[in-house]
Amino acid sequence: MMILVWLIDILVIGVKILGGRMNVNPILRYGLWLAVLSAVVAGIGVLGYLLVLLQHQLTELA
């Protein structure tokens, strides 16, 4: 249970950094933004790949 609290705390700190409410090095802020955007792009890529696999699976059944 305590691990969940720590994870939520880290998430809140990350959102504060991304939102500009915490004074940190700008390189850290830009790097964190780059990591978030890269994760979003990777997630969209995986979703697209899974949709293509689903389409191939459904066309084989028909």
PDB file of N, CA and C in Angstrom:
ATOM      1  N   MET A   1       0.822  -1.191   0.000  1.00  0.00           N
ATOM      2  CA  MET A   1       0.000   0.000   0.000  1.00  0.00           C
ATOM      3  C   MET A   1       0.867   1.255   0.000  1.00  0.00           C
ATOM      4  N   MET A   2       1.971   1.190   0.729  1.00  0.00           N
ATOM      5  CA  MET A   2       2.860   2.348   0.794  1.00  0.00           C
ATOM      6  C   MET A   2       3.512   2.616  -0.559  1.00  0.00           C
ATOM      7  N   ILE A   3       3.747   1.556  -1.339  1.00  0.00           N
ATOM      8  CA  ILE A   3       4.332   1.730  -2.665  1.00  0.00           C
ATOM      9  C   ILE A   3       3.390   2.532  -3.547  1.00  0.00           C
ATOM     10  N   LEU A   4       2.098   2.293  -3.438  1.00  0.00           N
ATOM     11  CA  LEU A   4       1.119   3.053  -4.203  1.00  0.00           C
ATOM     12  C   LEU A   4       1.165   4.530  -3.839  1.00  0.00           C
ATOM     13  N   VAL A   5       1.321   4.824  -2.574  1.00  0.00           N
ATOM     14  CA  VAL A   5       1.422   6.221  -2.132  1.00  0.00           C
ATOM     15  C   VAL A   5       2.669   6.869  -2.718  1.00  0.00           C
ATOM     16  N   TRP A   6       3.782   6.146  -2.743  1.00  0.00           N
ATOM     17  CA  TRP A   6       5.017   6.683  -3.307  1.00  0.00           C
ATOM     18  C   TRP A   6       4.865   6.930  -4.809  1.00  0.00           C
ATOM     19  N   LEU A   7       4.224   6.001  -5.506  1.00  0.00           N
ATOM     20  CA  LEU A   7       4.026   6.180  -6.941  1.00  0.00           C
ATOM     21  C   LEU A   7       3.150   7.391  -7.239  1.00  0.00           C
ATOM     22  N   ILE A   8       2.103   7.582  -6.456  1.00  0.00           N
ATOM     23  CA  ILE A   8       1.243   8.749  -6.637  1.00  0.00           C
ATOM     24  C   ILE A   8       2.014  10.023  -6.344  1.00  0.00           C
ATOM     25  N   ASP A   9       2.869   9.986  -5.318  1.00  0.00           N
ATOM     26  CA  ASP A   9       3.686  11.152  -4.978  1.00  0.00           C
ATOM     27  C   ASP A   9       4.652  11.497  -6.109  1.00  0.00           C
ATOM     28  N   ILE A  10       5.268  10.488  -6.704  1.00  0.00           N
ATOM     29  CA  ILE A  10       6.171  10.725  -7.836  1.00  0.00           C
ATOM     30  C   ILE A  10       5.402  11.286  -9.020  1.00  0.00           C
ATOM     31  N   LEU A  11       4.210  10.787  -9.262  1.00  0.00           N
ATOM     32  CA  LEU A  11       3.383  11.304 -10.344  1.00  0.00           C
ATOM     33  C   LEU A  11       3.018  12.773 -10.120  1.00  0.00           C
ATOM     34  N   VAL A  12       2.672  13.118  -8.893  1.00  0.00           N
ATOM     35  CA  VAL A  12       2.327  14.502  -8.574  1.00  0.00           C
ATOM     36  C   VAL A  12       3.537  15.415  -8.767  1.00  0.00           C
ATOM     37  N   ILE A  13       4.715  14.966  -8.342  1.00  0.00           N
ATOM     38  CA  ILE A  13       5.922  15.762  -8.532  1.00  0.00           C
ATOM     39  C   ILE A  13       6.206  15.945 -10.022  1.00  0.00           C
ATOM     40  N   GLY A  14       6.032  14.889 -10.804  1.00  0.00           N
ATOM     41  CA  GLY A  14       6.235  14.983 -12.248  1.00  0.00           C
ATOM     42  C   GLY A  14       5.283  15.968 -12.904  1.00  0.00           C
ATOM     43  N   VAL A  15       4.039  15.955 -12.486  1.00  0.00           N
ATOM     44  CA  VAL A  15       3.058  16.898 -13.048  1.00  0.00           C
ATOM     45  C   VAL A  15       3.409  18.327 -12.652  1.00  0.00           C
ATOM     46  N   LYS A  16       3.882  18.515 -11.423  1.00  0.00           N
ATOM     47  CA  LYS A  16       4.298  19.852 -11.000  1.00  0.00           C
ATOM     48  C   LYS A  16       5.481  20.346 -11.824  1.00  0.00           C
ATOM     49  N   ILE A  17       6.411  19.467 -12.117  1.00  0.00           N
ATOM     50  CA  ILE A  17       7.566  19.855 -12.926  1.00  0.00           C
ATOM     51  C   ILE A  17       7.124  20.197 -14.342  1.00  0.00           C
ATOM     52  N   LEU A  18       6.277  19.360 -14.931  1.00  0.00           N
ATOM     53  CA  LEU A  18       5.819  19.612 -16.293  1.00  0.00           C
ATOM     54  C   LEU A  18       4.982  20.875 -16.379  1.00  0.00           C
ATOM     55  N   GLY A  19       4.225  21.161 -15.347  1.00  0.00           N
ATOM     56  CA  GLY A  19       3.370  22.337 -15.354  1.00  0.00           C
ATOM     57  C   GLY A  19       4.083  23.622 -15.011  1.00  0.00           C
ATOM     58  N   GLY A  20       5.321  23.543 -14.552  1.00  0.00           N
ATOM     59  CA  GLY A  20       6.083  24.733 -14.236  1.00  0.00           C
ATOM     60  C   GLY A  20       5.880  25.251 -12.831  1.00  0.00           C
ATOM     61  N   ARG A  21       5.274  24.479 -11.959  1.00  0.00           N
ATOM     62  CA  ARG A  21       5.051  24.928 -10.582  1.00  0.00           C
ATOM     63  C   ARG A  21       6.251  24.708  -9.682  1.00  0.00           C
ATOM     64  N   MET A  22       7.185  23.859 -10.125  1.00  0.00           N
ATOM     65  CA  MET A  22       8.421  23.640  -9.372  1.00  0.00           C
ATOM     66  C   MET A  22       9.574  24.247 -10.161  1.00  0.00           C
ATOM     67  N   ASN A  23      10.460  24.938  -9.464  1.00  0.00           N
ATOM     68  CA  ASN A  23      11.624  25.510 -10.113  1.00  0.00           C
ATOM     69  C   ASN A  23      12.705  24.445 -10.237  1.00  0.00           C
ATOM     70  N   VAL A  24      12.899  23.980 -11.465  1.00  0.00           N
ATOM     71  CA  VAL A  24      13.932  22.992 -11.750  1.00  0.00           C
ATOM     72  C   VAL A  24      14.724  23.475 -12.959  1.00  0.00           C
ATOM     73  N   ASN A  25      15.793  22.790 -13.241  1.00  0.00           N
ATOM     74  CA  ASN A  25      16.592  23.089 -14.409  1.00  0.00           C
ATOM     75  C   ASN A  25      15.733  22.924 -15.670  1.00  0.00           C
ATOM     76  N   PRO A  26      15.766  23.888 -16.595  1.00  0.00           N
ATOM     77  CA  PRO A  26      14.942  23.767 -17.806  1.00  0.00           C
ATOM     78  C   PRO A  26      15.270  22.528 -18.635  1.00  0.00           C
ATOM     79  N   ILE A  27      16.510  22.069 -18.570  1.00  0.00           N
ATOM     80  CA  ILE A  27      16.869  20.864 -19.322  1.00  0.00           C
ATOM     81  C   ILE A  27      16.109  19.658 -18.776  1.00  0.00           C
ATOM     82  N   LEU A  28      15.951  19.598 -17.460  1.00  0.00           N
ATOM     83  CA  LEU A  28      15.173  18.516 -16.854  1.00  0.00           C
ATOM     84  C   LEU A  28      13.722  18.578 -17.307  1.00  0.00           C
ATOM     85  N   ARG A  29      13.153  19.792 -17.322  1.00  0.00           N
ATOM     86  CA  ARG A  29      11.760  19.946 -17.744  1.00  0.00           C
ATOM     87  C   ARG A  29      11.578  19.530 -19.205  1.00  0.00           C
ATOM     88  N   TYR A  30      12.488  19.979 -20.087  1.00  0.00           N
ATOM     89  CA  TYR A  30      12.379  19.615 -21.501  1.00  0.00           C
ATOM     90  C   TYR A  30      12.600  18.120 -21.703  1.00  0.00           C
ATOM     91  N   GLY A  31      13.532  17.556 -20.953  1.00  0.00           N
ATOM     92  CA  GLY A  31      13.761  16.121 -21.052  1.00  0.00           C
ATOM     93  C   GLY A  31      12.564  15.308 -20.595  1.00  0.00           C
ATOM     94  N   LEU A  32      11.902  15.782 -19.542  1.00  0.00           N
ATOM     95  CA  LEU A  32      10.703  15.093 -19.059  1.00  0.00           C
ATOM     96  C   LEU A  32       9.570  15.195 -20.079  1.00  0.00           C
ATOM     97  N   TRP A  33       9.431  16.368 -20.696  1.00  0.00           N
ATOM     98  CA  TRP A  33       8.431  16.516 -21.756  1.00  0.00           C
ATOM     99  C   TRP A  33       8.741  15.589 -22.924  1.00  0.00           C
ATOM    100  N   LEU A  34      10.013  15.504 -23.283  1.00  0.00           N
ATOM    101  CA  LEU A  34      10.407  14.625 -24.376  1.00  0.00           C
ATOM    102  C   LEU A  34      10.100  13.168 -24.044  1.00  0.00           C
ATOM    103  N   ALA A  35      10.333  12.765 -22.812  1.00  0.00           N
ATOM    104  CA  ALA A  35      10.038  11.391 -22.397  1.00  0.00           C
ATOM    105  C   ALA A  35       8.532  11.112 -22.443  1.00  0.00           C
ATOM    106  N   VAL A  36       7.732  12.069 -21.994  1.00  0.00           N
ATOM    107  CA  VAL A  36       6.278  11.883 -22.007  1.00  0.00           C
ATOM    108  C   VAL A  36       5.765  11.786 -23.443  1.00  0.00           C
ATOM    109  N   LEU A  37       6.234  12.690 -24.300  1.00  0.00           N
ATOM    110  CA  LEU A  37       5.780  12.661 -25.697  1.00  0.00           C
ATOM    111  C   LEU A  37       6.259  11.400 -26.408  1.00  0.00           C
ATOM    112  N   SER A  38       7.456  10.923 -26.094  1.00  0.00           N
ATOM    113  CA  SER A  38       7.953   9.681 -26.691  1.00  0.00           C
ATOM    114  C   SER A  38       7.107   8.485 -26.250  1.00  0.00           C
ATOM    115  N   ALA A  39       6.710   8.481 -24.992  1.00  0.00           N
ATOM    116  CA  ALA A  39       5.857   7.390 -24.501  1.00  0.00           C
ATOM    117  C   ALA A  39       4.493   7.412 -25.177  1.00  0.00           C
ATOM    118  N   VAL A  40       3.964   8.600 -25.416  1.00  0.00           N
ATOM    119  CA  VAL A  40       2.670   8.709 -26.099  1.00  0.00           C
ATOM    120  C   VAL A  40       2.789   8.209 -27.535  1.00  0.00           C
ATOM    121  N   VAL A  41       3.847   8.613 -28.232  1.00  0.00           N
ATOM    122  CA  VAL A  41       4.050   8.169 -29.615  1.00  0.00           C
ATOM    123  C   VAL A  41       4.248   6.653 -29.667  1.00  0.00           C
ATOM    124  N   ALA A  42       5.007   6.112 -28.733  1.00  0.00           N
ATOM    125  CA  ALA A  42       5.209   4.660 -28.688  1.00  0.00           C
ATOM    126  C   ALA A  42       3.891   3.938 -28.413  1.00  0.00           C
ATOM    127  N   GLY A  43       3.073   4.482 -27.534  1.00  0.00           N
ATOM    128  CA  GLY A  43       1.767   3.873 -27.251  1.00  0.00           C
ATOM    129  C   GLY A  43       0.863   3.880 -28.464  1.00  0.00           C
ATOM    130  N   ILE A  44       0.881   4.986 -29.217  1.00  0.00           N
ATOM    131  CA  ILE A  44       0.069   5.056 -30.436  1.00  0.00           C
ATOM    132  C   ILE A  44       0.579   4.051 -31.462  1.00  0.00           C
ATOM    133  N   GLY A  45       1.906   3.902 -31.548  1.00  0.00           N
ATOM    134  CA  GLY A  45       2.481   2.924 -32.468  1.00  0.00           C
ATOM    135  C   GLY A  45       2.084   1.502 -32.113  1.00  0.00           C
ATOM    136  N   VAL A  46       2.127   1.166 -30.841  1.00  0.00           N
ATOM    137  CA  VAL A  46       1.730  -0.180 -30.405  1.00  0.00           C
ATOM    138  C   VAL A  46       0.253  -0.414 -30.660  1.00  0.00           C
ATOM    139  N   LEU A  47      -0.569   0.587 -30.410  1.00  0.00           N
ATOM    140  CA  LEU A  47      -2.000   0.455 -30.682  1.00  0.00           C
ATOM    141  C   LEU A  47      -2.263   0.239 -32.166  1.00  0.00           C
ATOM    142  N   GLY A  48      -1.562   0.974 -33.021  1.00  0.00           N
ATOM    143  CA  GLY A  48      -1.710   0.781 -34.468  1.00  0.00           C
ATOM    144  C   GLY A  48      -1.278  -0.608 -34.893  1.00  0.00           C
ATOM    145  N   TYR A  49      -0.166  -1.081 -34.330  1.00  0.00           N
ATOM    146  CA  TYR A  49       0.311  -2.424 -34.659  1.00  0.00           C
ATOM    147  C   TYR A  49      -0.695  -3.489 -34.234  1.00  0.00           C
ATOM    148  N   LEU A  50      -1.265  -3.325 -33.060  1.00  0.00           N
ATOM    149  CA  LEU A  50      -2.267  -4.290 -32.592  1.00  0.00           C
ATOM    150  C   LEU A  50      -3.529  -4.260 -33.453  1.00  0.00           C
ATOM    151  N   LEU A  51      -3.901  -3.075 -33.933  1.00  0.00           N
ATOM    152  CA  LEU A  51      -5.056  -2.989 -34.823  1.00  0.00           C
ATOM    153  C   LEU A  51      -4.787  -3.683 -36.157  1.00  0.00           C
ATOM    154  N   VAL A  52      -3.569  -3.565 -36.666  1.00  0.00           N
ATOM    155  CA  VAL A  52      -3.216  -4.264 -37.905  1.00  0.00           C
ATOM    156  C   VAL A  52      -3.246  -5.769 -37.685  1.00  0.00           C
ATOM    157  N   LEU A  53      -2.719  -6.237 -36.550  1.00  0.00           N
ATOM    158  CA  LEU A  53      -2.790  -7.671 -36.256  1.00  0.00           C
ATOM    159  C   LEU A  53      -4.231  -8.155 -36.142  1.00  0.00           C
ATOM    160  N   LEU A  54      -5.080  -7.349 -35.520  1.00  0.00           N
ATOM    161  CA  LEU A  54      -6.493  -7.715 -35.413  1.00  0.00           C
ATOM    162  C   LEU A  54      -7.143  -7.779 -36.785  1.00  0.00           C
ATOM    163  N   GLN A  55      -6.807  -6.846 -37.665  1.00  0.00           N
ATOM    164  CA  GLN A  55      -7.379  -6.859 -39.003  1.00  0.00           C
ATOM    165  C   GLN A  55      -6.946  -8.110 -39.760  1.00  0.00           C
ATOM    166  N   HIS A  56      -5.673  -8.484 -39.654  1.00  0.00           N
ATOM    167  CA  HIS A  56      -5.210  -9.692 -40.315  1.00  0.00           C
ATOM    168  C   HIS A  56      -5.889 -10.935 -39.755  1.00  0.00           C
ATOM    169  N   GLN A  57      -6.088 -10.966 -38.466  1.00  0.00           N
ATOM    170  CA  GLN A  57      -6.743 -12.113 -37.838  1.00  0.00           C
ATOM    171  C   GLN A  57      -8.200 -12.212 -38.296  1.00  0.00           C
ATOM    172  N   LEU A  58      -8.870 -11.071 -38.388  1.00  0.00           N
ATOM    173  CA  LEU A  58     -10.280 -11.094 -38.792  1.00  0.00           C
ATOM    174  C   LEU A  58     -10.446 -11.406 -40.270  1.00  0.00           C
ATOM    175  N   THR A  59      -9.492 -10.994 -41.115  1.00  0.00           N
ATOM    176  CA  THR A  59      -9.617 -11.311 -42.534  1.00  0.00           C
ATOM    177  C   THR A  59      -9.319 -12.793 -42.787  1.00  0.00           C
ATOM    178  N   GLU A  60      -8.509 -13.420 -41.947  1.00  0.00           N
ATOM    179  CA  GLU A  60      -8.277 -14.856 -42.104  1.00  0.00           C
ATOM    180  C   GLU A  60      -9.501 -15.674 -41.731  1.00  0.00           C
ATOM    181  N   LEU A  61     -10.299 -15.163 -40.806  1.00  0.00           N
ATOM    182  CA  LEU A  61     -11.497 -15.892 -40.390  1.00  0.00           C
ATOM    183  C   LEU A  61     -12.620 -15.791 -41.423  1.00  0.00           C
ATOM    184  N   ALA A  62     -12.632 -14.720 -42.195  1.00  0.00           N
ATOM    185  CA  ALA A  62     -13.732 -14.490 -43.144  1.00  0.00           C
ATOM    186  C   ALA A  62     -13.528 -15.233 -44.447  1.00  0.00           C
TER     187      ALA A  62
END
